[in-house]
Amino acid sequence: MRTIFTIGIILATSAAGAYATDVKAGQAAYGKACKSCHGADGTANPAIAKMMKVEMRGLQSPEVQALSEAEIKRVIVEGQGKMKPLTSFAGAAAGDVAAYVKTMKK
């Protein structure tokens, strides 16, 4: 019985690690797909905002930082307002970017 419990703990721990986000990978993906609109440091690009006729919040703003990683990931995958869904993010990449965005707190 103890062996089965130990194996269960090991499997659960390794499964949790498989789904952990990778902030460094998120930073790299952000640099490729997000930086042009949201800026290297999360500050919205005013030229893009003007062209799209939208008000873009900085990703380090309290409103954005109040979102959970899951909510940020949903915006990345599904889009929001005039932001189109980023279909280039497959698998864990959107979660990695969401984790990176959470590091942009002021």
C-alpha atoms as a PDB file:
ATOM      1  CA  MET A   1       0.000   0.000   0.000  1.00  0.00           C
ATOM      2  CA  ARG A   2       2.819   2.379   0.879  1.00  0.00           C
ATOM      3  CA  THR A   3       4.476   1.682  -2.492  1.00  0.00           C
ATOM      4  CA  ILE A   4       1.293   2.514  -4.404  1.00  0.00           C
ATOM      5  CA  PHE A   5       0.914   5.755  -2.441  1.00  0.00           C
ATOM      6  CA  THR A   6       4.548   6.707  -3.129  1.00  0.00           C
ATOM      7  CA  ILE A   7       4.178   5.988  -6.847  1.00  0.00           C
ATOM      8  CA  GLY A   8       1.001   8.096  -6.903  1.00  0.00           C
ATOM      9  CA  ILE A   9       2.824  11.018  -5.291  1.00  0.00           C
ATOM     10  CA  ILE A  10       5.698  10.752  -7.779  1.00  0.00           C
ATOM     11  CA  LEU A  11       3.321  10.650 -10.748  1.00  0.00           C
ATOM     12  CA  ALA A  12       1.305  13.601  -9.495  1.00  0.00           C
ATOM     13  CA  THR A  13       4.453  15.647  -8.918  1.00  0.00           C
ATOM     14  CA  SER A  14       5.885  14.895 -12.347  1.00  0.00           C
ATOM     15  CA  ALA A  15       2.539  15.637 -14.024  1.00  0.00           C
ATOM     16  CA  ALA A  16       2.357  19.004 -12.278  1.00  0.00           C
ATOM     17  CA  GLY A  17       5.861  19.791 -13.506  1.00  0.00           C
ATOM     18  CA  ALA A  18       4.873  18.963 -17.060  1.00  0.00           C
ATOM     19  CA  TYR A  19       2.221  21.694 -16.971  1.00  0.00           C
ATOM     20  CA  ALA A  20       4.335  24.337 -15.237  1.00  0.00           C
ATOM     21  CA  THR A  21       4.822  27.563 -17.136  1.00  0.00           C
ATOM     22  CA  ASP A  22       8.204  28.632 -18.464  1.00  0.00           C
ATOM     23  CA  VAL A  23       8.684  32.393 -18.073  1.00  0.00           C
ATOM     24  CA  LYS A  24      11.867  32.436 -20.191  1.00  0.00           C
ATOM     25  CA  ALA A  25      10.086  30.660 -23.045  1.00  0.00           C
ATOM     26  CA  GLY A  26       7.201  33.107 -22.582  1.00  0.00           C
ATOM     27  CA  GLN A  27       9.582  36.046 -22.853  1.00  0.00           C
ATOM     28  CA  ALA A  28      11.011  34.684 -26.106  1.00  0.00           C
ATOM     29  CA  ALA A  29       7.542  34.058 -27.572  1.00  0.00           C
ATOM     30  CA  TYR A  30       6.389  37.516 -26.416  1.00  0.00           C
ATOM     31  CA  GLY A  31       9.369  39.060 -28.188  1.00  0.00           C
ATOM     32  CA  LYS A  32       8.395  37.394 -31.455  1.00  0.00           C
ATOM     33  CA  ALA A  33       4.618  37.843 -31.448  1.00  0.00           C
ATOM     34  CA  CYS A  34       3.618  40.571 -28.977  1.00  0.00           C
ATOM     35  CA  LYS A  35       6.393  43.145 -28.692  1.00  0.00           C
ATOM     36  CA  SER A  36       5.488  45.077 -31.851  1.00  0.00           C
ATOM     37  CA  CYS A  37       2.109  46.114 -30.395  1.00  0.00           C
ATOM     38  CA  HIS A  38       2.683  45.858 -26.647  1.00  0.00           C
ATOM     39  CA  GLY A  39       6.304  47.042 -26.471  1.00  0.00           C
ATOM     40  CA  ALA A  40       9.334  45.267 -25.063  1.00  0.00           C
ATOM     41  CA  ASP A  41       8.424  46.266 -21.504  1.00  0.00           C
ATOM     42  CA  GLY A  42       4.639  45.953 -21.875  1.00  0.00           C
ATOM     43  CA  THR A  43       4.066  49.626 -22.668  1.00  0.00           C
ATOM     44  CA  ALA A  44       1.538  49.877 -25.486  1.00  0.00           C
ATOM     45  CA  ASN A  45       2.815  51.121 -28.851  1.00  0.00           C
ATOM     46  CA  PRO A  46       0.998  54.451 -29.355  1.00  0.00           C
ATOM     47  CA  ALA A  47       1.280  54.273 -33.160  1.00  0.00           C
ATOM     48  CA  ILE A  48      -0.489  50.884 -33.202  1.00  0.00           C
ATOM     49  CA  ALA A  49      -3.157  52.132 -30.791  1.00  0.00           C
ATOM     50  CA  LYS A  50      -3.778  55.208 -32.963  1.00  0.00           C
ATOM     51  CA  MET A  51      -3.886  53.157 -36.174  1.00  0.00           C
ATOM     52  CA  MET A  52      -6.391  50.698 -34.636  1.00  0.00           C
ATOM     53  CA  LYS A  53      -8.317  53.536 -32.965  1.00  0.00           C
ATOM     54  CA  VAL A  54      -8.182  51.872 -29.561  1.00  0.00           C
ATOM     55  CA  GLU A  55      -6.895  52.702 -26.129  1.00  0.00           C
ATOM     56  CA  MET A  56      -4.317  50.078 -25.212  1.00  0.00           C
ATOM     57  CA  ARG A  57      -3.469  49.588 -21.557  1.00  0.00           C
ATOM     58  CA  GLY A  58       0.095  48.831 -20.647  1.00  0.00           C
ATOM     59  CA  LEU A  59       0.533  45.213 -19.648  1.00  0.00           C
ATOM     60  CA  GLN A  60       2.058  46.388 -16.381  1.00  0.00           C
ATOM     61  CA  SER A  61      -1.096  48.364 -15.523  1.00  0.00           C
ATOM     62  CA  PRO A  62      -3.066  47.396 -12.411  1.00  0.00           C
ATOM     63  CA  GLU A  63      -6.046  46.397 -14.584  1.00  0.00           C
ATOM     64  CA  VAL A  64      -4.038  43.890 -16.603  1.00  0.00           C
ATOM     65  CA  GLN A  65      -2.021  42.647 -13.632  1.00  0.00           C
ATOM     66  CA  ALA A  66      -5.279  42.011 -11.741  1.00  0.00           C
ATOM     67  CA  LEU A  67      -6.127  39.333 -14.334  1.00  0.00           C
ATOM     68  CA  SER A  68      -5.152  35.754 -13.580  1.00  0.00           C
ATOM     69  CA  GLU A  69      -2.706  33.905 -15.820  1.00  0.00           C
ATOM     70  CA  ALA A  70      -5.679  31.885 -17.096  1.00  0.00           C
ATOM     71  CA  GLU A  71      -7.540  35.073 -18.058  1.00  0.00           C
ATOM     72  CA  ILE A  72      -4.476  36.484 -19.826  1.00  0.00           C
ATOM     73  CA  LYS A  73      -4.019  33.177 -21.632  1.00  0.00           C
ATOM     74  CA  ARG A  74      -7.666  33.311 -22.760  1.00  0.00           C
ATOM     75  CA  VAL A  75      -7.121  36.788 -24.245  1.00  0.00           C
ATOM     76  CA  ILE A  76      -4.017  35.528 -26.070  1.00  0.00           C
ATOM     77  CA  VAL A  77      -5.771  32.456 -27.472  1.00  0.00           C
ATOM     78  CA  GLU A  78      -9.226  33.942 -28.161  1.00  0.00           C
ATOM     79  CA  GLY A  79      -8.381  37.605 -28.752  1.00  0.00           C
ATOM     80  CA  GLN A  80     -10.214  40.569 -27.258  1.00  0.00           C
ATOM     81  CA  GLY A  81     -11.658  43.665 -28.871  1.00  0.00           C
ATOM     82  CA  LYS A  82      -9.588  44.401 -31.967  1.00  0.00           C
ATOM     83  CA  MET A  83      -6.797  42.066 -30.861  1.00  0.00           C
ATOM     84  CA  LYS A  84      -7.008  38.947 -32.978  1.00  0.00           C
ATOM     85  CA  PRO A  85      -6.411  35.480 -31.483  1.00  0.00           C
ATOM     86  CA  LEU A  86      -2.776  34.427 -31.667  1.00  0.00           C
ATOM     87  CA  THR A  87      -3.106  31.048 -33.308  1.00  0.00           C
ATOM     88  CA  SER A  88       0.687  30.733 -33.531  1.00  0.00           C
ATOM     89  CA  PHE A  89       0.781  29.881 -29.815  1.00  0.00           C
ATOM     90  CA  ALA A  90       0.310  26.138 -29.594  1.00  0.00           C
ATOM     91  CA  GLY A  91       0.179  24.109 -26.407  1.00  0.00           C
ATOM     92  CA  ALA A  92       1.885  25.661 -23.418  1.00  0.00           C
ATOM     93  CA  ALA A  93       3.213  28.730 -25.276  1.00  0.00           C
ATOM     94  CA  ALA A  94       0.191  30.912 -24.426  1.00  0.00           C
ATOM     95  CA  GLY A  95       0.523  29.975 -20.756  1.00  0.00           C
ATOM     96  CA  ASP A  96       4.223  30.781 -20.884  1.00  0.00           C
ATOM     97  CA  VAL A  97       3.485  34.230 -22.335  1.00  0.00           C
ATOM     98  CA  ALA A  98       0.784  34.813 -19.706  1.00  0.00           C
ATOM     99  CA  ALA A  99       3.299  33.936 -16.980  1.00  0.00           C
ATOM    100  CA  TYR A 100       5.796  36.365 -18.526  1.00  0.00           C
ATOM    101  CA  VAL A 101       3.174  39.141 -18.652  1.00  0.00           C
ATOM    102  CA  LYS A 102       2.591  38.653 -14.912  1.00  0.00           C
ATOM    103  CA  THR A 103       6.299  39.488 -14.329  1.00  0.00           C
ATOM    104  CA  MET A 104       5.743  42.986 -15.764  1.00  0.00           C
ATOM    105  CA  LYS A 105       4.270  44.409 -12.564  1.00  0.00           C
ATOM    106  CA  LYS A 106       5.238  48.009 -11.841  1.00  0.00           C
END
